[in-house]
Amino acid sequence: MKGLLIKDLLAMKKQGKTIIALLFFYIIYAVTFKNVSMLGMVIVLICAMMPITTLSYDEKCKWDSFALSTTVSRKTLVLSKYIFSIILILCAIVIVALLSSLMVFFSKELEIVDALLMSAGLGGIALVFLTLTLPLLFKFGVEKGRMLMLATFLIPSMIIMLFSNFGFSLPDEQVLRHMSYVSPIIIFFLIFISIKVSIKIVHKKEF
């Protein structure tokens, strides 16, 4: 397991310069326009997308076939991707929380509690995204999976837009705060189900 996580971390190095350039640009943007939410979304999005990049490298190199010829099991392959993804997203939450806190300290335009809730909320969205996309990527591969992944973004967005057009209002801040208390349990359950589904998919897959 440790070796698989290190392998994915090393694969990320190829994107290192691009990631640093993006972060540098959006940090300047956030400081200039005092828009920490945009920076938070970018950081979380980058961390949520990196596991997809590592899966793409694995697919091109036929890594799974090689790994399964050793002592690595299919279950371990799946779990390593989930653990790697969750670690990245948790790191993103911490980074966003720290940067948000700094912005609050210097600008005084946002409450620290709101900044932390925003960080946790973005992380929660990324984790839900993870539970939907990884099974699709394991099932259909990276190329086809990317198209289905876009659908997981577009369909909910279109539903929200339709509801708004018909006069339905989005949940207010109080409702969202109450939802945040139960969301960790829901996210944990979704991750558990997603892992089970992915393991089942990979067990049936031929490499």
Protein backbone atom coordinates (compact mmCIF):
# COMPACT_ATOMS: atom_id res chain seq x y z
CA MET A 1 0.00 0.00 0.00
CA LYS A 2 2.77 2.44 0.96
CA GLY A 3 4.57 1.74 -2.32
CA LEU A 4 1.42 2.44 -4.33
CA LEU A 5 0.89 5.77 -2.55
CA ILE A 6 4.51 6.78 -3.17
CA LYS A 7 4.14 5.80 -6.84
CA ASP A 8 1.11 8.08 -7.22
CA LEU A 9 2.92 10.90 -5.43
CA LEU A 10 5.89 10.59 -7.81
CA ALA A 11 3.50 10.58 -10.79
CA MET A 12 2.16 13.93 -9.57
CA LYS A 13 5.61 15.49 -9.88
CA LYS A 14 5.14 15.66 -13.66
CA GLN A 15 2.34 18.17 -13.07
CA GLY A 16 4.19 20.00 -10.30
CA LYS A 17 5.18 23.14 -12.25
CA THR A 18 1.69 23.55 -13.72
CA ILE A 19 0.07 23.20 -10.29
CA ILE A 20 2.46 25.71 -8.69
CA ALA A 21 1.84 28.22 -11.53
CA LEU A 22 -1.94 27.87 -11.14
CA LEU A 23 -1.79 28.26 -7.37
CA PHE A 24 0.47 31.31 -7.67
CA PHE A 25 -1.95 32.95 -10.14
CA TYR A 26 -5.04 32.30 -8.01
CA ILE A 27 -3.35 33.36 -4.77
CA ILE A 28 -2.57 36.73 -6.39
CA TYR A 29 -6.16 36.86 -7.69
CA ALA A 30 -7.58 36.08 -4.23
CA VAL A 31 -5.43 38.70 -2.52
CA THR A 32 -6.13 41.36 -5.17
CA PHE A 33 -9.90 40.89 -5.32
CA LYS A 34 -10.32 39.54 -1.76
CA ASN A 35 -12.05 36.48 -3.19
CA VAL A 36 -10.89 33.53 -1.11
CA SER A 37 -13.75 31.29 -2.25
CA MET A 38 -12.37 31.15 -5.81
CA LEU A 39 -8.93 30.19 -4.49
CA GLY A 40 -10.51 27.53 -2.28
CA MET A 41 -12.43 26.03 -5.19
CA VAL A 42 -9.31 25.90 -7.36
CA ILE A 43 -7.17 24.23 -4.69
CA VAL A 44 -9.82 21.63 -3.88
CA LEU A 45 -10.51 21.03 -7.59
CA ILE A 46 -6.81 20.46 -8.32
CA CYS A 47 -6.51 17.97 -5.47
CA ALA A 48 -9.71 16.21 -6.54
CA MET A 49 -8.48 15.91 -10.15
CA MET A 50 -4.97 14.62 -9.38
CA PRO A 51 -6.09 11.00 -8.72
CA ILE A 52 -7.64 11.04 -12.21
CA THR A 53 -4.26 12.10 -13.61
CA THR A 54 -2.52 9.23 -11.81
CA LEU A 55 -5.13 6.79 -13.15
CA SER A 56 -4.41 8.10 -16.65
CA TYR A 57 -0.69 7.42 -16.22
CA ASP A 58 -1.47 3.94 -14.87
CA GLU A 59 -3.65 3.21 -17.90
CA LYS A 60 -1.01 4.33 -20.40
CA CYS A 61 1.75 2.33 -18.70
CA LYS A 62 -0.42 -0.78 -18.16
CA TRP A 63 0.48 -0.41 -14.50
CA ASP A 64 -2.44 -2.44 -13.15
CA SER A 65 -1.45 -5.51 -15.17
CA PHE A 66 2.09 -5.28 -13.85
CA ALA A 67 1.01 -4.66 -10.25
CA LEU A 68 -1.37 -7.62 -10.26
CA SER A 69 1.44 -9.88 -11.46
CA THR A 70 3.11 -9.18 -8.10
CA THR A 71 1.66 -9.65 -4.62
CA VAL A 72 -0.63 -6.60 -4.96
CA SER A 73 -4.32 -7.52 -4.85
CA ARG A 74 -7.16 -5.86 -6.75
CA LYS A 75 -8.65 -4.66 -3.48
CA THR A 76 -5.34 -3.00 -2.54
CA LEU A 77 -5.19 -1.25 -5.93
CA VAL A 78 -8.64 0.24 -5.35
CA LEU A 79 -8.04 1.19 -1.73
CA SER A 80 -4.75 2.91 -2.60
CA LYS A 81 -6.57 5.26 -5.02
CA TYR A 82 -9.21 6.14 -2.44
CA ILE A 83 -6.66 6.68 0.34
CA PHE A 84 -4.46 8.79 -1.96
CA SER A 85 -7.47 10.87 -3.06
CA ILE A 86 -8.75 11.39 0.48
CA ILE A 87 -5.28 12.43 1.71
CA LEU A 88 -5.03 15.01 -1.10
CA ILE A 89 -8.49 16.41 -0.40
CA LEU A 90 -7.81 16.62 3.35
CA CYS A 91 -4.56 18.46 2.58
CA ALA A 92 -6.55 20.82 0.34
CA ILE A 93 -9.04 21.49 3.17
CA VAL A 94 -6.18 22.35 5.55
CA ILE A 95 -4.49 24.63 2.98
CA VAL A 96 -7.76 26.41 2.16
CA ALA A 97 -8.57 26.80 5.87
CA LEU A 98 -5.14 28.34 6.57
CA LEU A 99 -5.30 30.70 3.59
CA SER A 100 -8.90 31.66 4.43
CA SER A 101 -7.90 32.38 8.02
CA LEU A 102 -5.06 34.61 6.82
CA MET A 103 -7.44 36.47 4.51
CA VAL A 104 -9.87 36.93 7.41
CA PHE A 105 -7.08 38.22 9.63
CA PHE A 106 -5.94 40.84 7.13
CA SER A 107 -9.22 41.85 5.46
CA LYS A 108 -11.74 41.45 8.33
CA GLU A 109 -14.44 40.92 5.69
CA LEU A 110 -15.24 37.33 6.62
CA GLU A 111 -15.80 35.60 9.94
CA ILE A 112 -13.30 32.87 10.81
CA VAL A 113 -16.11 30.36 11.40
CA ASP A 114 -17.53 31.06 7.93
CA ALA A 115 -14.08 30.65 6.41
CA LEU A 116 -13.61 27.27 8.08
CA LEU A 117 -17.12 26.14 7.11
CA MET A 118 -16.40 27.13 3.53
CA SER A 119 -13.18 25.08 3.57
CA ALA A 120 -14.98 22.05 4.98
CA GLY A 121 -17.85 22.49 2.53
CA LEU A 122 -15.54 22.57 -0.48
CA GLY A 123 -13.74 19.50 0.82
CA GLY A 124 -17.07 17.73 1.29
CA ILE A 125 -18.08 18.48 -2.30
CA ALA A 126 -14.73 17.12 -3.51
CA LEU A 127 -15.22 13.91 -1.52
CA VAL A 128 -18.72 13.42 -2.94
CA PHE A 129 -17.27 14.04 -6.42
CA LEU A 130 -14.67 11.35 -5.64
CA THR A 131 -17.32 8.79 -4.66
CA LEU A 132 -19.06 9.29 -8.01
CA THR A 133 -16.08 9.48 -10.35
CA LEU A 134 -13.72 6.73 -9.18
CA PRO A 135 -16.20 3.88 -9.83
CA LEU A 136 -16.85 5.35 -13.30
CA LEU A 137 -13.12 5.56 -14.04
CA PHE A 138 -12.52 1.99 -12.85
CA LYS A 139 -15.45 0.76 -14.96
CA PHE A 140 -15.00 2.68 -18.22
CA GLY A 141 -11.38 3.85 -18.13
CA VAL A 142 -10.09 7.41 -18.04
CA GLU A 143 -11.14 8.57 -21.53
CA LYS A 144 -14.78 7.45 -21.37
CA GLY A 145 -14.88 8.13 -17.64
CA ARG A 146 -14.03 11.80 -18.19
CA MET A 147 -17.15 12.29 -20.29
CA LEU A 148 -19.32 10.66 -17.64
CA MET A 149 -17.51 12.72 -15.03
CA LEU A 150 -18.59 15.90 -16.80
CA ALA A 151 -22.15 14.63 -16.63
CA THR A 152 -21.86 14.31 -12.83
CA PHE A 153 -21.10 18.05 -12.81
CA LEU A 154 -23.54 19.22 -15.47
CA ILE A 155 -26.66 17.27 -14.49
CA PRO A 156 -26.85 18.56 -10.87
CA SER A 157 -26.03 22.09 -12.10
CA MET A 158 -28.84 21.93 -14.66
CA ILE A 159 -31.29 20.61 -12.04
CA ILE A 160 -30.41 23.49 -9.68
CA MET A 161 -30.87 26.00 -12.53
CA LEU A 162 -34.26 24.52 -13.41
CA PHE A 163 -35.39 24.66 -9.79
CA SER A 164 -34.26 28.29 -9.59
CA ASN A 165 -36.14 29.17 -12.79
CA PHE A 166 -39.33 27.66 -11.40
CA GLY A 167 -39.08 29.79 -8.27
CA PHE A 168 -37.61 27.25 -5.87
CA SER A 169 -35.11 28.88 -3.53
CA LEU A 170 -31.82 27.32 -2.43
CA PRO A 171 -31.38 26.38 1.25
CA ASP A 172 -30.59 29.37 3.45
CA GLU A 173 -27.48 29.71 5.62
CA GLN A 174 -29.19 28.26 8.71
CA VAL A 175 -30.26 25.12 6.84
CA LEU A 176 -26.77 24.71 5.38
CA ARG A 177 -25.25 24.98 8.86
CA HIS A 178 -27.54 22.20 10.12
CA MET A 179 -26.69 20.09 7.07
CA SER A 180 -22.99 20.49 7.82
CA TYR A 181 -23.46 18.62 11.11
CA VAL A 182 -24.75 15.45 9.44
CA SER A 183 -22.77 15.71 6.19
CA PRO A 184 -19.64 13.90 7.55
CA ILE A 185 -21.78 10.81 8.29
CA ILE A 186 -23.37 10.95 4.83
CA ILE A 187 -19.97 11.42 3.14
CA PHE A 188 -18.45 8.53 5.12
CA PHE A 189 -21.35 6.30 4.03
CA LEU A 190 -20.97 7.37 0.37
CA ILE A 191 -17.22 6.64 0.45
CA PHE A 192 -17.87 3.20 1.97
CA ILE A 193 -20.44 2.34 -0.74
CA SER A 194 -18.21 3.77 -3.49
CA ILE A 195 -15.25 1.63 -2.36
CA LYS A 196 -17.42 -1.50 -2.32
CA VAL A 197 -18.69 -0.76 -5.84
CA SER A 198 -15.17 -0.04 -7.17
CA ILE A 199 -13.75 -3.24 -5.67
CA LYS A 200 -16.56 -5.24 -7.28
CA ILE A 201 -15.90 -3.55 -10.65
CA VAL A 202 -12.14 -4.19 -10.53
CA HIS A 203 -12.63 -7.83 -9.46
CA LYS A 204 -14.65 -8.42 -12.66
CA LYS A 205 -12.29 -6.43 -14.88
CA GLU A 206 -9.73 -8.08 -17.16
CA PHE A 207 -6.29 -6.44 -17.36
